[in-house]
N, C-alpha and C. Protein backbone atom coordinates (compact mmCIF):
# COMPACT_ATOMS: atom_id res chain seq x y z
N THR A 1 -16.80 20.27 -46.20
CA THR A 1 -17.09 19.72 -44.88
C THR A 1 -16.31 18.41 -44.66
N SER A 2 -16.39 17.50 -45.76
CA SER A 2 -15.62 16.23 -45.52
C SER A 2 -14.17 16.42 -45.25
N GLY A 3 -13.63 17.49 -45.94
CA GLY A 3 -12.18 17.80 -45.79
C GLY A 3 -11.97 18.18 -44.34
N VAL A 4 -12.83 18.98 -43.76
CA VAL A 4 -12.62 19.41 -42.35
C VAL A 4 -12.75 18.17 -41.36
N LEU A 5 -13.76 17.40 -41.77
CA LEU A 5 -13.93 16.17 -40.93
C LEU A 5 -12.67 15.29 -40.93
N LEU A 6 -12.17 15.06 -42.08
CA LEU A 6 -11.05 14.18 -42.26
C LEU A 6 -9.86 14.78 -41.60
N LEU A 7 -9.58 16.12 -41.62
CA LEU A 7 -8.61 16.79 -40.87
C LEU A 7 -8.79 16.70 -39.40
N CYS A 8 -9.97 16.72 -38.85
CA CYS A 8 -10.13 16.56 -37.41
C CYS A 8 -9.81 15.20 -37.01
N LEU A 9 -10.26 14.21 -37.83
CA LEU A 9 -9.94 12.80 -37.54
C LEU A 9 -8.59 12.58 -37.51
N ALA A 10 -7.75 13.21 -38.45
CA ALA A 10 -6.33 13.07 -38.47
C ALA A 10 -5.66 13.64 -37.36
N LEU A 11 -6.20 14.72 -36.89
CA LEU A 11 -5.47 15.47 -35.69
C LEU A 11 -5.85 14.68 -34.49
N LEU A 12 -7.05 14.15 -34.38
CA LEU A 12 -7.46 13.22 -33.22
C LEU A 12 -6.53 12.03 -33.13
N ALA A 13 -6.31 11.42 -34.32
CA ALA A 13 -5.46 10.17 -34.40
C ALA A 13 -3.98 10.53 -34.05
N SER A 14 -3.51 11.73 -34.40
CA SER A 14 -2.17 12.19 -34.10
C SER A 14 -2.05 12.35 -32.64
N PHE A 15 -3.10 12.93 -32.01
CA PHE A 15 -3.06 13.26 -30.57
C PHE A 15 -3.11 11.94 -29.75
N HIS A 16 -3.84 10.91 -30.19
CA HIS A 16 -3.84 9.64 -29.53
C HIS A 16 -2.45 8.94 -29.66
N LEU A 17 -1.87 9.06 -30.83
CA LEU A 17 -0.60 8.43 -31.16
C LEU A 17 0.35 9.08 -30.22
N TYR A 18 0.26 10.40 -30.03
CA TYR A 18 1.18 11.28 -29.21
C TYR A 18 1.12 10.84 -27.86
N THR A 19 -0.06 10.65 -27.27
CA THR A 19 -0.18 10.36 -25.87
C THR A 19 0.02 8.89 -25.59
N TRP A 20 -0.61 7.99 -26.37
CA TRP A 20 -0.52 6.56 -26.10
C TRP A 20 0.83 6.05 -26.54
N GLY A 21 1.51 6.67 -27.44
CA GLY A 21 2.82 6.18 -27.85
C GLY A 21 3.89 6.39 -26.82
N ASP A 22 3.71 7.39 -25.93
CA ASP A 22 4.63 7.61 -24.95
C ASP A 22 3.95 7.33 -23.55
N PRO A 23 4.44 6.30 -22.78
CA PRO A 23 3.77 5.95 -21.56
C PRO A 23 3.78 7.15 -20.44
N VAL A 24 4.85 8.01 -20.48
CA VAL A 24 4.87 9.07 -19.52
C VAL A 24 3.78 10.08 -19.96
N ARG A 25 3.63 10.43 -21.22
CA ARG A 25 2.62 11.31 -21.65
C ARG A 25 1.33 10.78 -21.40
N HIS A 26 1.13 9.47 -21.68
CA HIS A 26 -0.17 8.85 -21.54
C HIS A 26 -0.68 8.91 -20.07
N HIS A 27 0.15 8.57 -19.12
CA HIS A 27 -0.22 8.55 -17.69
C HIS A 27 -0.37 10.05 -17.18
N ALA A 28 0.47 10.96 -17.75
CA ALA A 28 0.22 12.32 -17.31
C ALA A 28 -1.14 12.82 -17.73
N LYS A 29 -1.47 12.49 -18.99
CA LYS A 29 -2.81 12.78 -19.50
C LYS A 29 -3.98 12.23 -18.76
N LEU A 30 -3.72 10.98 -18.27
CA LEU A 30 -4.82 10.31 -17.45
C LEU A 30 -5.07 11.01 -16.07
N VAL A 31 -3.99 11.41 -15.41
CA VAL A 31 -4.16 12.02 -14.12
C VAL A 31 -4.70 13.51 -14.29
N ALA A 32 -4.38 14.15 -15.52
CA ALA A 32 -4.92 15.46 -15.80
C ALA A 32 -6.38 15.33 -16.08
N LEU A 33 -6.79 14.38 -16.60
CA LEU A 33 -8.22 14.17 -16.93
C LEU A 33 -9.06 13.79 -15.74
N ASN A 34 -8.44 13.07 -14.78
CA ASN A 34 -9.24 12.65 -13.63
C ASN A 34 -8.21 12.63 -12.40
N GLN A 35 -8.07 13.79 -11.81
CA GLN A 35 -7.17 13.99 -10.68
C GLN A 35 -7.60 13.29 -9.44
N ASN A 36 -8.86 12.88 -9.35
CA ASN A 36 -9.33 12.18 -8.18
C ASN A 36 -9.25 10.64 -8.40
N SER A 37 -8.61 10.12 -9.41
CA SER A 37 -8.44 8.72 -9.61
C SER A 37 -7.13 8.20 -8.88
N THR A 38 -7.39 7.36 -7.94
CA THR A 38 -6.29 6.77 -7.19
C THR A 38 -5.64 5.84 -8.14
N ARG A 39 -6.26 5.05 -8.92
CA ARG A 39 -5.59 4.14 -9.81
C ARG A 39 -4.67 4.84 -10.84
N ALA A 40 -5.12 6.04 -11.38
CA ALA A 40 -4.30 6.73 -12.32
C ALA A 40 -3.02 7.24 -11.68
N TRP A 41 -3.08 7.78 -10.43
CA TRP A 41 -1.90 8.14 -9.80
C TRP A 41 -0.95 7.05 -9.46
N VAL A 42 -1.49 5.91 -9.02
CA VAL A 42 -0.69 4.78 -8.70
C VAL A 42 0.01 4.27 -9.95
N MET A 43 -0.63 4.15 -11.01
CA MET A 43 -0.02 3.73 -12.28
C MET A 43 1.06 4.72 -12.81
N TYR A 44 0.81 5.97 -12.64
CA TYR A 44 1.76 7.03 -13.01
C TYR A 44 3.12 6.83 -12.23
N GLY A 45 2.87 6.72 -10.89
CA GLY A 45 4.10 6.57 -10.05
C GLY A 45 4.81 5.29 -10.26
N ASN A 46 4.05 4.26 -10.52
CA ASN A 46 4.67 2.94 -10.74
C ASN A 46 5.46 2.91 -12.07
N LEU A 47 5.02 3.65 -12.91
CA LEU A 47 5.83 3.74 -14.28
C LEU A 47 7.23 4.16 -13.99
N TYR A 48 7.41 5.24 -13.13
CA TYR A 48 8.82 5.68 -12.85
C TYR A 48 9.53 4.68 -11.88
N PHE A 49 8.74 4.09 -11.03
CA PHE A 49 9.29 3.08 -10.17
C PHE A 49 9.83 1.83 -10.98
N LYS A 50 9.10 1.44 -11.97
CA LYS A 50 9.54 0.38 -12.66
C LYS A 50 10.84 0.67 -13.43
N ARG A 51 10.98 1.93 -13.94
CA ARG A 51 12.03 2.29 -14.64
C ARG A 51 13.27 2.44 -13.68
N TYR A 52 12.94 2.88 -12.40
CA TYR A 52 14.05 2.89 -11.46
C TYR A 52 14.56 1.48 -11.12
N ASN A 53 13.71 0.53 -11.03
CA ASN A 53 14.17 -0.89 -10.75
C ASN A 53 15.06 -1.37 -11.89
N GLN A 54 14.85 -0.90 -13.23
CA GLN A 54 15.61 -1.38 -14.20
C GLN A 54 17.06 -0.72 -14.24
N SER A 55 16.94 0.61 -13.88
CA SER A 55 18.31 1.49 -14.01
C SER A 55 18.90 1.71 -12.70
N LYS A 56 18.14 1.62 -11.62
CA LYS A 56 18.75 2.01 -10.33
C LYS A 56 19.14 3.54 -10.25
N ASN A 57 18.51 4.29 -11.18
CA ASN A 57 18.71 5.70 -11.22
C ASN A 57 17.82 6.35 -10.10
N THR A 58 18.37 6.91 -9.04
CA THR A 58 17.63 7.50 -8.02
C THR A 58 16.72 8.67 -8.40
N GLU A 59 17.08 9.30 -9.47
CA GLU A 59 16.24 10.40 -10.00
C GLU A 59 14.82 9.88 -10.43
N LEU A 60 14.78 8.74 -10.93
CA LEU A 60 13.58 8.08 -11.43
C LEU A 60 12.71 7.75 -10.15
N LEU A 61 13.36 7.31 -9.15
CA LEU A 61 12.65 6.96 -7.87
C LEU A 61 12.21 8.23 -7.23
N GLN A 62 12.97 9.29 -7.21
CA GLN A 62 12.53 10.55 -6.72
C GLN A 62 11.33 11.10 -7.55
N ARG A 63 11.26 10.90 -8.73
CA ARG A 63 10.13 11.30 -9.58
C ARG A 63 8.90 10.50 -9.27
N ALA A 64 9.08 9.14 -9.09
CA ALA A 64 7.99 8.31 -8.55
C ALA A 64 7.39 8.91 -7.27
N LEU A 65 8.31 9.23 -6.33
CA LEU A 65 7.87 9.71 -5.14
C LEU A 65 7.03 11.04 -5.26
N GLU A 66 7.53 11.96 -5.98
CA GLU A 66 6.90 13.23 -6.14
C GLU A 66 5.54 13.04 -6.72
N ILE A 67 5.38 12.19 -7.74
CA ILE A 67 4.06 11.99 -8.36
C ILE A 67 3.15 11.42 -7.37
N THR A 68 3.60 10.43 -6.58
CA THR A 68 2.73 9.75 -5.67
C THR A 68 2.31 10.70 -4.58
N GLN A 69 3.28 11.52 -4.06
CA GLN A 69 2.84 12.57 -3.13
C GLN A 69 1.86 13.56 -3.66
N GLN A 70 1.99 13.97 -4.93
CA GLN A 70 0.98 14.78 -5.54
C GLN A 70 -0.36 14.11 -5.60
N GLY A 71 -0.43 12.79 -6.01
CA GLY A 71 -1.65 11.97 -6.02
C GLY A 71 -2.24 11.86 -4.67
N LEU A 72 -1.47 11.71 -3.62
CA LEU A 72 -1.96 11.60 -2.22
C LEU A 72 -2.74 12.92 -1.85
N ARG A 73 -2.18 13.95 -2.33
CA ARG A 73 -2.88 15.30 -2.09
C ARG A 73 -4.21 15.38 -2.79
N GLN A 74 -4.26 14.83 -3.96
CA GLN A 74 -5.45 14.96 -4.73
C GLN A 74 -6.48 13.82 -4.45
N ALA A 75 -6.02 12.67 -4.15
CA ALA A 75 -6.85 11.52 -3.92
C ALA A 75 -6.32 10.69 -2.81
N PRO A 76 -6.48 11.12 -1.60
CA PRO A 76 -5.94 10.44 -0.39
C PRO A 76 -6.48 8.96 -0.30
N ALA A 77 -5.53 7.99 -0.35
CA ALA A 77 -5.94 6.54 -0.38
C ALA A 77 -4.68 5.76 0.31
N PRO A 78 -5.02 4.75 0.99
CA PRO A 78 -3.91 3.87 1.61
C PRO A 78 -2.80 3.47 0.77
N ILE A 79 -3.17 3.05 -0.52
CA ILE A 79 -2.17 2.54 -1.42
C ILE A 79 -1.14 3.56 -1.78
N LEU A 80 -1.61 4.90 -1.96
CA LEU A 80 -0.69 5.96 -2.21
C LEU A 80 0.23 6.26 -1.05
N ALA A 81 -0.32 6.29 0.16
CA ALA A 81 0.46 6.53 1.37
C ALA A 81 1.44 5.39 1.60
N ALA A 82 1.05 4.14 1.31
CA ALA A 82 1.97 3.04 1.50
C ALA A 82 3.04 3.08 0.43
N ASN A 83 2.81 3.48 -0.83
CA ASN A 83 3.77 3.58 -1.77
C ASN A 83 4.88 4.55 -1.50
N ILE A 84 4.31 5.74 -0.88
CA ILE A 84 5.31 6.82 -0.40
C ILE A 84 6.28 6.08 0.62
N ILE A 85 5.78 5.43 1.56
CA ILE A 85 6.67 4.70 2.55
C ILE A 85 7.56 3.86 1.85
N THR A 86 7.12 3.03 0.88
CA THR A 86 8.01 2.13 0.17
C THR A 86 9.15 2.88 -0.66
N TYR A 87 8.76 3.96 -1.30
CA TYR A 87 9.77 4.69 -2.11
C TYR A 87 10.74 5.28 -1.12
N LYS A 88 10.27 5.99 -0.08
CA LYS A 88 11.21 6.66 0.86
C LYS A 88 11.99 5.68 1.68
N SER A 89 11.53 4.43 1.87
CA SER A 89 12.35 3.40 2.59
C SER A 89 13.62 3.08 1.76
N ILE A 90 13.46 3.11 0.45
CA ILE A 90 14.56 2.86 -0.43
C ILE A 90 15.58 4.00 -0.32
N LEU A 91 15.01 5.18 -0.30
CA LEU A 91 15.81 6.40 -0.17
C LEU A 91 16.33 6.68 1.29
N ASP A 92 15.82 5.78 2.18
CA ASP A 92 16.32 5.93 3.58
C ASP A 92 15.88 7.22 4.20
N ASN A 93 14.71 7.84 3.87
CA ASN A 93 14.25 9.09 4.54
C ASN A 93 12.83 9.06 4.93
N THR A 94 12.24 7.96 5.36
CA THR A 94 10.96 7.77 5.85
C THR A 94 10.91 8.48 7.20
N THR A 95 9.73 9.27 7.44
CA THR A 95 9.58 10.05 8.60
C THR A 95 8.35 9.50 9.39
N ASP A 96 8.21 9.91 10.63
CA ASP A 96 7.05 9.55 11.41
C ASP A 96 5.81 10.24 10.85
N VAL A 97 5.96 11.48 10.16
CA VAL A 97 4.78 11.96 9.47
C VAL A 97 4.18 11.12 8.36
N ASP A 98 5.16 10.39 7.64
CA ASP A 98 4.72 9.46 6.62
C ASP A 98 3.80 8.41 7.17
N TRP A 99 4.24 7.80 8.41
CA TRP A 99 3.40 6.85 8.93
C TRP A 99 2.12 7.33 9.53
N GLN A 100 2.23 8.46 10.19
CA GLN A 100 1.04 9.13 10.75
C GLN A 100 -0.07 9.39 9.66
N THR A 101 0.47 9.74 8.42
CA THR A 101 -0.42 9.99 7.29
C THR A 101 -1.20 8.62 6.86
N LEU A 102 -0.35 7.63 6.84
CA LEU A 102 -0.95 6.29 6.52
C LEU A 102 -2.00 5.89 7.61
N TYR A 103 -1.68 6.05 8.91
CA TYR A 103 -2.51 5.69 9.85
C TYR A 103 -4.01 6.37 9.71
N GLN A 104 -3.82 7.70 9.53
CA GLN A 104 -4.99 8.50 9.46
C GLN A 104 -5.92 8.22 8.21
N ILE A 105 -5.26 7.93 7.09
CA ILE A 105 -5.95 7.54 5.87
C ILE A 105 -6.55 6.19 6.06
N MET A 106 -5.91 5.29 6.71
CA MET A 106 -6.44 4.03 6.90
C MET A 106 -7.63 4.04 7.83
N GLU A 107 -7.62 4.93 8.86
CA GLU A 107 -8.75 5.14 9.73
C GLU A 107 -9.95 5.61 9.00
N ASP A 108 -9.74 6.53 7.98
CA ASP A 108 -10.76 7.15 7.35
C ASP A 108 -11.24 6.39 6.17
N ALA A 109 -10.43 5.41 5.67
CA ALA A 109 -10.70 4.72 4.34
C ALA A 109 -12.01 3.95 4.54
N PRO A 110 -12.81 3.88 3.44
CA PRO A 110 -13.95 3.09 3.41
C PRO A 110 -13.62 1.58 3.43
N PRO A 111 -14.54 0.79 3.94
CA PRO A 111 -14.25 -0.67 3.99
C PRO A 111 -13.81 -1.27 2.55
N SER A 112 -12.77 -1.99 2.52
CA SER A 112 -12.35 -2.58 1.27
C SER A 112 -11.25 -3.69 1.49
N TRP A 113 -11.31 -4.70 0.76
CA TRP A 113 -10.23 -5.73 0.83
C TRP A 113 -8.94 -5.23 0.42
N LEU A 114 -8.83 -4.08 -0.36
CA LEU A 114 -7.56 -3.40 -0.68
C LEU A 114 -6.78 -2.93 0.41
N ASN A 115 -7.40 -2.68 1.57
CA ASN A 115 -6.69 -2.26 2.75
C ASN A 115 -5.78 -3.24 3.28
N SER A 116 -6.18 -4.50 3.20
CA SER A 116 -5.35 -5.61 3.69
C SER A 116 -4.21 -5.83 2.67
N THR A 117 -4.52 -5.65 1.38
CA THR A 117 -3.50 -5.78 0.39
C THR A 117 -2.36 -4.73 0.56
N VAL A 118 -2.75 -3.54 0.99
CA VAL A 118 -1.77 -2.51 1.24
C VAL A 118 -0.75 -2.92 2.28
N VAL A 119 -1.22 -3.40 3.48
CA VAL A 119 -0.34 -3.77 4.57
C VAL A 119 0.51 -5.00 4.18
N GLN A 120 -0.17 -5.91 3.44
CA GLN A 120 0.56 -7.11 2.98
C GLN A 120 1.65 -6.71 2.04
N MET A 121 1.52 -5.73 1.21
CA MET A 121 2.61 -5.32 0.38
C MET A 121 3.70 -4.73 1.16
N LEU A 122 3.41 -3.94 2.17
CA LEU A 122 4.54 -3.43 3.03
C LEU A 122 5.23 -4.52 3.78
N MET A 123 4.43 -5.52 4.27
CA MET A 123 5.10 -6.69 4.96
C MET A 123 6.11 -7.41 3.97
N VAL A 124 5.64 -7.56 2.71
CA VAL A 124 6.50 -8.24 1.70
C VAL A 124 7.81 -7.43 1.45
N ASN A 125 7.62 -6.07 1.31
CA ASN A 125 8.82 -5.24 1.09
C ASN A 125 9.68 -5.16 2.29
N ALA A 126 9.13 -5.33 3.46
CA ALA A 126 9.93 -5.32 4.74
C ALA A 126 10.76 -6.58 4.72
N ASN A 127 10.14 -7.71 4.43
CA ASN A 127 10.77 -9.01 4.43
C ASN A 127 11.87 -9.10 3.29
N LYS A 128 11.76 -8.22 2.27
CA LYS A 128 12.79 -8.10 1.21
C LYS A 128 13.99 -7.31 1.64
N GLY A 129 13.92 -6.74 2.79
CA GLY A 129 15.02 -5.91 3.36
C GLY A 129 14.83 -4.40 3.15
N PHE A 130 13.61 -3.98 2.68
CA PHE A 130 13.34 -2.56 2.66
C PHE A 130 13.44 -2.02 4.06
N SER A 131 13.92 -0.73 4.14
CA SER A 131 13.99 -0.12 5.53
C SER A 131 12.58 0.41 6.00
N ILE A 132 11.77 -0.61 6.24
CA ILE A 132 10.40 -0.35 6.81
C ILE A 132 10.29 -0.77 8.24
N ASP A 133 10.01 0.21 9.13
CA ASP A 133 9.92 -0.05 10.56
C ASP A 133 8.80 -1.06 10.86
N PRO A 134 9.19 -2.28 11.41
CA PRO A 134 8.19 -3.31 11.64
C PRO A 134 7.29 -2.87 12.75
N LYS A 135 7.68 -2.22 13.67
CA LYS A 135 6.79 -1.74 14.80
C LYS A 135 5.79 -0.83 14.29
N LYS A 136 6.14 0.05 13.45
CA LYS A 136 5.15 1.05 12.91
C LYS A 136 4.20 0.36 11.96
N LEU A 137 4.70 -0.74 11.20
CA LEU A 137 3.94 -1.42 10.25
C LEU A 137 2.90 -2.30 11.07
N LEU A 138 3.26 -2.79 12.20
CA LEU A 138 2.28 -3.62 12.97
C LEU A 138 1.16 -2.77 13.58
N HIS A 139 1.46 -1.43 13.79
CA HIS A 139 0.47 -0.54 14.21
C HIS A 139 -0.57 -0.19 13.16
N ALA A 140 -0.13 -0.22 11.94
CA ALA A 140 -0.99 0.02 10.75
C ALA A 140 -1.94 -1.29 10.71
N ILE A 141 -1.29 -2.46 10.87
CA ILE A 141 -2.05 -3.72 10.81
C ILE A 141 -3.10 -3.73 11.94
N GLU A 142 -2.70 -3.17 13.10
CA GLU A 142 -3.65 -3.20 14.15
C GLU A 142 -4.83 -2.31 13.97
N ILE A 143 -4.61 -1.15 13.23
CA ILE A 143 -5.71 -0.34 12.84
C ILE A 143 -6.74 -1.08 11.94
N LEU A 144 -6.14 -1.78 10.99
CA LEU A 144 -6.91 -2.53 10.10
C LEU A 144 -7.73 -3.66 10.81
N TYR A 145 -7.07 -4.23 11.78
CA TYR A 145 -7.70 -5.29 12.58
C TYR A 145 -9.00 -4.74 13.28
N ARG A 146 -8.94 -3.53 13.72
CA ARG A 146 -10.07 -2.85 14.41
C ARG A 146 -11.26 -2.45 13.44
N LYS A 147 -10.91 -2.34 12.22
CA LYS A 147 -11.96 -1.76 11.33
C LYS A 147 -13.06 -2.84 11.03
N PRO A 148 -14.23 -2.30 10.68
CA PRO A 148 -15.42 -3.15 10.53
C PRO A 148 -15.13 -4.34 9.53
N GLU A 149 -14.34 -4.12 8.42
CA GLU A 149 -14.26 -5.14 7.47
C GLU A 149 -13.25 -6.27 7.99
N GLY A 150 -12.60 -5.89 9.08
CA GLY A 150 -11.68 -6.93 9.69
C GLY A 150 -10.44 -7.10 8.83
N MET A 151 -9.68 -8.18 9.21
CA MET A 151 -8.34 -8.52 8.71
C MET A 151 -8.49 -9.69 7.78
N ARG A 152 -8.02 -9.41 6.56
CA ARG A 152 -7.92 -10.54 5.70
C ARG A 152 -6.58 -11.27 5.59
N LEU A 153 -5.58 -10.70 6.35
CA LEU A 153 -4.31 -11.42 6.42
C LEU A 153 -4.40 -12.51 7.51
N PRO A 154 -3.74 -13.54 7.25
CA PRO A 154 -3.71 -14.61 8.23
C PRO A 154 -2.99 -14.20 9.49
N PHE A 155 -3.60 -14.37 10.64
CA PHE A 155 -2.92 -13.90 11.96
C PHE A 155 -1.52 -14.52 12.11
N MET A 156 -1.41 -15.76 11.67
CA MET A 156 -0.21 -16.52 11.94
C MET A 156 0.87 -15.88 11.12
N GLU A 157 0.61 -15.31 9.81
CA GLU A 157 1.48 -14.61 9.04
C GLU A 157 2.01 -13.46 9.71
N ILE A 158 1.18 -12.76 10.40
CA ILE A 158 1.53 -11.50 11.00
C ILE A 158 2.41 -11.89 12.27
N ALA A 159 2.07 -12.91 13.03
CA ALA A 159 2.81 -13.35 14.05
C ALA A 159 4.22 -13.72 13.80
N ILE A 160 4.39 -14.40 12.70
CA ILE A 160 5.67 -14.81 12.22
C ILE A 160 6.46 -13.57 11.75
N PHE A 161 5.86 -12.72 11.14
CA PHE A 161 6.51 -11.46 10.80
C PHE A 161 7.03 -10.69 11.97
N ALA A 162 6.24 -10.52 12.95
CA ALA A 162 6.61 -9.88 14.25
C ALA A 162 7.82 -10.56 14.95
N TYR A 163 7.69 -11.89 14.93
CA TYR A 163 8.69 -12.77 15.63
C TYR A 163 10.05 -12.64 14.85
N LYS A 164 10.03 -12.61 13.55
CA LYS A 164 11.30 -12.44 12.80
C LYS A 164 11.88 -11.11 12.94
N ALA A 165 11.03 -10.12 13.24
CA ALA A 165 11.50 -8.75 13.40
C ALA A 165 12.00 -8.60 14.86
N GLY A 166 11.92 -9.50 15.61
CA GLY A 166 12.34 -9.47 17.05
C GLY A 166 11.40 -8.88 17.97
N LEU A 167 10.18 -8.69 17.62
CA LEU A 167 9.05 -8.08 18.41
C LEU A 167 8.25 -9.18 19.09
N LYS A 168 8.88 -9.85 20.10
CA LYS A 168 8.29 -11.08 20.71
C LYS A 168 6.94 -10.84 21.33
N GLU A 169 6.71 -9.67 22.03
CA GLU A 169 5.47 -9.39 22.62
C GLU A 169 4.34 -9.26 21.53
N ASP A 170 4.67 -8.58 20.47
CA ASP A 170 3.66 -8.44 19.39
C ASP A 170 3.48 -9.76 18.75
N ALA A 171 4.50 -10.63 18.62
CA ALA A 171 4.34 -11.95 18.03
C ALA A 171 3.39 -12.80 18.93
N LYS A 172 3.60 -12.70 20.17
CA LYS A 172 2.73 -13.56 21.08
C LYS A 172 1.24 -13.10 21.01
N LYS A 173 1.01 -11.86 20.84
CA LYS A 173 -0.34 -11.32 20.68
C LYS A 173 -0.98 -11.94 19.44
N TRP A 174 -0.31 -11.90 18.42
CA TRP A 174 -0.91 -12.35 17.01
C TRP A 174 -0.84 -13.94 17.09
N PHE A 175 0.03 -14.56 17.72
CA PHE A 175 0.04 -16.05 17.78
C PHE A 175 -1.31 -16.47 18.58
N LEU A 176 -1.58 -15.62 19.62
CA LEU A 176 -2.77 -15.94 20.45
C LEU A 176 -4.08 -15.71 19.62
N ARG A 177 -4.04 -14.60 18.80
CA ARG A 177 -5.21 -14.32 18.03
C ARG A 177 -5.40 -15.45 17.02
N SER A 178 -4.31 -15.89 16.47
CA SER A 178 -4.34 -16.98 15.52
C SER A 178 -4.99 -18.29 16.23
N ALA A 179 -4.56 -18.51 17.41
CA ALA A 179 -5.03 -19.68 18.14
C ALA A 179 -6.46 -19.58 18.36
N LYS A 180 -6.93 -18.33 18.83
CA LYS A 180 -8.40 -18.25 19.09
C LYS A 180 -9.21 -18.36 17.84
N GLN A 181 -8.64 -17.84 16.61
CA GLN A 181 -9.31 -17.97 15.34
C GLN A 181 -9.49 -19.46 15.04
N GLU A 182 -8.38 -20.17 15.27
CA GLU A 182 -8.42 -21.59 14.88
C GLU A 182 -9.37 -22.37 15.83
N ALA A 183 -9.43 -21.91 17.11
CA ALA A 183 -10.23 -22.56 18.01
C ALA A 183 -11.77 -22.29 17.97
N ALA A 184 -12.13 -21.37 17.03
CA ALA A 184 -13.54 -21.08 16.96
C ALA A 184 -14.38 -22.33 16.56
N GLY A 185 -15.36 -22.55 17.50
CA GLY A 185 -16.14 -23.73 17.27
C GLY A 185 -15.66 -24.92 18.05
N SER A 186 -14.48 -24.87 18.63
CA SER A 186 -14.04 -25.89 19.52
C SER A 186 -14.01 -25.32 20.96
N VAL A 187 -14.92 -25.80 21.87
CA VAL A 187 -14.93 -25.28 23.17
C VAL A 187 -13.64 -25.50 23.93
N GLN A 188 -13.04 -26.61 23.83
CA GLN A 188 -11.78 -26.92 24.55
C GLN A 188 -10.68 -26.15 24.05
N LEU A 189 -10.43 -25.99 22.78
CA LEU A 189 -9.32 -25.07 22.18
C LEU A 189 -9.59 -23.70 22.70
N GLU A 190 -10.80 -23.19 22.59
CA GLU A 190 -11.09 -21.85 22.98
C GLU A 190 -10.79 -21.65 24.38
N ARG A 191 -11.09 -22.53 25.32
CA ARG A 191 -10.82 -22.42 26.76
C ARG A 191 -9.35 -22.33 26.99
N VAL A 192 -8.60 -23.21 26.24
CA VAL A 192 -7.16 -23.11 26.38
C VAL A 192 -6.55 -21.75 25.92
N ALA A 193 -7.00 -21.25 24.84
CA ALA A 193 -6.63 -19.99 24.27
C ALA A 193 -6.91 -18.95 25.38
N ASN A 194 -8.12 -18.88 25.90
CA ASN A 194 -8.54 -17.86 26.83
C ASN A 194 -7.62 -17.96 28.09
N GLU A 195 -7.36 -19.26 28.58
CA GLU A 195 -6.44 -19.37 29.71
C GLU A 195 -5.05 -18.85 29.44
N LEU A 196 -4.57 -19.06 28.27
CA LEU A 196 -3.25 -18.62 28.00
C LEU A 196 -3.20 -17.08 27.90
N ASP A 197 -4.32 -16.53 27.34
CA ASP A 197 -4.48 -15.05 27.33
C ASP A 197 -4.50 -14.42 28.84
N ALA A 198 -5.24 -15.14 29.67
CA ALA A 198 -5.36 -14.59 31.08
C ALA A 198 -4.05 -14.78 31.80
N ALA A 199 -3.29 -15.74 31.46
CA ALA A 199 -2.02 -15.96 32.08
C ALA A 199 -0.85 -15.04 31.53
N GLY A 200 -1.26 -14.21 30.54
CA GLY A 200 -0.25 -13.27 30.01
C GLY A 200 0.64 -13.76 28.99
N TYR A 201 0.28 -14.97 28.31
CA TYR A 201 1.03 -15.48 27.22
C TYR A 201 0.63 -14.83 25.93
């Protein structure tokens, strides 16, 4: 009996060494064990994305995209939809369907501070020069603004992003929201902000 037990322990140790020793096998095992884990799918896709960043081999980026798309089908989450947009923006083949998918998932997503992190990540990537449509990104931010948990991004940061993207009307809207937010508690500042809003600024 002890011999069988030792053999089982040895096999178990070999299995752990086999999966943990190779990051690809390890992450593949994680998603196989829990296909509804957003975190597992994000980490699996990021593994290939990091390798792409080191080598600039687009086959690795394509693999990161395929894994993330599979993860989105298994465990719909804003972070996976946003990562798809990021990966495809590098490949320069983002579509309206990708954005519509993000919008719908954000609408349906439960309240979480992670939702703000997702759009902030897309803003950062857009500022880095990724081919991310700023108008479509602002629409995603608008969805988040309307959700019960509200917006955790500073309105001024969004306004500056819109202004730098050449979207002056959107920039004015967010500048005004920032002014109203700063004016909270100040009757005079709030009155000025409301007058600017009524005047169309």
